[in-house]
C-alpha atoms as a PDB file:
ATOM      1  CA  UNK A   1     119.606 158.758  98.867  1.00  0.00           C
ATOM      2  CA  UNK A   2     121.300 161.753 100.250  1.00  0.00           C
ATOM      3  CA  UNK A   3     118.949 164.567 101.274  1.00  0.00           C
ATOM      4  CA  UNK A   4     118.560 167.627 103.391  1.00  0.00           C
ATOM      5  CA  UNK A   5     117.125 166.617 106.947  1.00  0.00           C
ATOM      6  CA  UNK A   6     114.953 170.124 106.688  1.00  0.00           C
ATOM      7  CA  UNK A   7     113.755 170.610 103.094  1.00  0.00           C
ATOM      8  CA  UNK A   8     114.198 167.132 101.827  1.00  0.00           C
ATOM      9  CA  UNK A   9     115.920 168.250  98.879  1.00  0.00           C
ATOM     10  CA  UNK A  10     118.696 166.364  97.218  1.00  0.00           C
ATOM     11  CA  UNK A  11     122.145 167.948  96.510  1.00  0.00           C
ATOM     12  CA  UNK A  12     121.264 168.115  92.863  1.00  0.00           C
ATOM     13  CA  UNK A  13     118.323 170.427  93.487  1.00  0.00           C
ATOM     14  CA  UNK A  14     120.327 172.975  95.405  1.00  0.00           C
ATOM     15  CA  UNK A  15     122.026 175.275  93.107  1.00  0.00           C
ATOM     16  CA  UNK A  16     124.866 176.147  95.285  1.00  0.00           C
ATOM     17  CA  UNK A  17     126.058 172.266  95.491  1.00  0.00           C
ATOM     18  CA  UNK A  18     125.576 171.909  91.721  1.00  0.00           C
ATOM     19  CA  UNK A  19     127.703 174.939  91.254  1.00  0.00           C
ATOM     20  CA  UNK A  20     130.424 173.619  93.925  1.00  0.00           C
ATOM     21  CA  UNK A  21     130.309 170.125  92.438  1.00  0.00           C
ATOM     22  CA  UNK A  22     130.780 171.547  88.752  1.00  0.00           C
ATOM     23  CA  UNK A  23     133.841 173.355  89.852  1.00  0.00           C
ATOM     24  CA  UNK A  24     135.474 170.186  91.456  1.00  0.00           C
ATOM     25  CA  UNK A  25     134.228 167.979  88.630  1.00  0.00           C
ATOM     26  CA  UNK A  26     131.997 165.563  90.839  1.00  0.00           C
ATOM     27  CA  UNK A  27     128.573 165.037  91.217  1.00  0.00           C
ATOM     28  CA  UNK A  28     126.467 167.118  93.725  1.00  0.00           C
ATOM     29  CA  UNK A  29     126.032 163.873  96.023  1.00  0.00           C
ATOM     30  CA  UNK A  30     129.645 163.268  96.115  1.00  0.00           C
ATOM     31  CA  UNK A  31     130.501 166.842  96.857  1.00  0.00           C
ATOM     32  CA  UNK A  32     128.159 166.808 100.173  1.00  0.00           C
ATOM     33  CA  UNK A  33     129.426 163.551 101.243  1.00  0.00           C
ATOM     34  CA  UNK A  34     132.934 164.813 101.098  1.00  0.00           C
ATOM     35  CA  UNK A  35     132.750 168.422 101.987  1.00  0.00           C
ATOM     36  CA  UNK A  36     129.522 169.339 103.982  1.00  0.00           C
ATOM     37  CA  UNK A  37     130.254 169.346 107.485  1.00  0.00           C
ATOM     38  CA  UNK A  38     126.671 168.494 108.528  1.00  0.00           C
ATOM     39  CA  UNK A  39     126.634 165.299 106.295  1.00  0.00           C
ATOM     40  CA  UNK A  40     125.868 162.184 108.246  1.00  0.00           C
ATOM     41  CA  UNK A  41     127.424 159.067 106.790  1.00  0.00           C
ATOM     42  CA  UNK A  42     125.372 156.556 108.715  1.00  0.00           C
ATOM     43  CA  UNK A  43     121.811 158.336 107.359  1.00  0.00           C
ATOM     44  CA  UNK A  44     122.843 160.140 104.155  1.00  0.00           C
ATOM     45  CA  UNK A  45     121.385 163.191 105.564  1.00  0.00           C
ATOM     46  CA  UNK A  46     122.970 166.743 105.623  1.00  0.00           C
ATOM     47  CA  UNK A  47     121.680 170.191 106.259  1.00  0.00           C
ATOM     48  CA  UNK A  48     121.499 172.632 103.526  1.00  0.00           C
ATOM     49  CA  UNK A  49     122.513 176.177 104.254  1.00  0.00           C
ATOM     50  CA  UNK A  50     119.123 177.767 104.404  1.00  0.00           C
ATOM     51  CA  UNK A  51     117.998 174.915 106.816  1.00  0.00           C
ATOM     52  CA  UNK A  52     120.919 174.880 109.002  1.00  0.00           C
ATOM     53  CA  UNK A  53     120.466 178.546 109.287  1.00  0.00           C
ATOM     54  CA  UNK A  54     116.743 177.888 110.096  1.00  0.00           C
ATOM     55  CA  UNK A  55     117.685 175.470 112.686  1.00  0.00           C
ATOM     56  CA  UNK A  56     119.641 178.132 114.468  1.00  0.00           C
ATOM     57  CA  UNK A  57     122.977 176.558 113.323  1.00  0.00           C
ATOM     58  CA  UNK A  58     123.432 173.852 115.553  1.00  0.00           C
ATOM     59  CA  UNK A  59     126.806 172.839 116.864  1.00  0.00           C
ATOM     60  CA  UNK A  60     128.849 170.804 119.285  1.00  0.00           C
ATOM     61  CA  UNK A  61     132.188 171.035 120.075  1.00  0.00           C
ATOM     62  CA  UNK A  62     133.104 167.546 118.321  1.00  0.00           C
ATOM     63  CA  UNK A  63     130.792 168.662 115.325  1.00  0.00           C
ATOM     64  CA  UNK A  64     127.273 168.368 114.452  1.00  0.00           C
ATOM     65  CA  UNK A  65     125.686 166.156 111.963  1.00  0.00           C
ATOM     66  CA  UNK A  66     122.108 165.714 110.410  1.00  0.00           C
END
């Protein structure tokens, strides 16, 4: 199951991901797996916008994943 590394919510529980998924005609978890830059394919974890900001917007030159 895909979930946020911070708040533990799934994409279906986060309004912005639901809205973006509807616009693209896919399920929220599919949208996150293809579009969220923090999504980690090995763990199924990502950082929602709120948690990413709370974490201080971590980043690495090669990219950061949850």
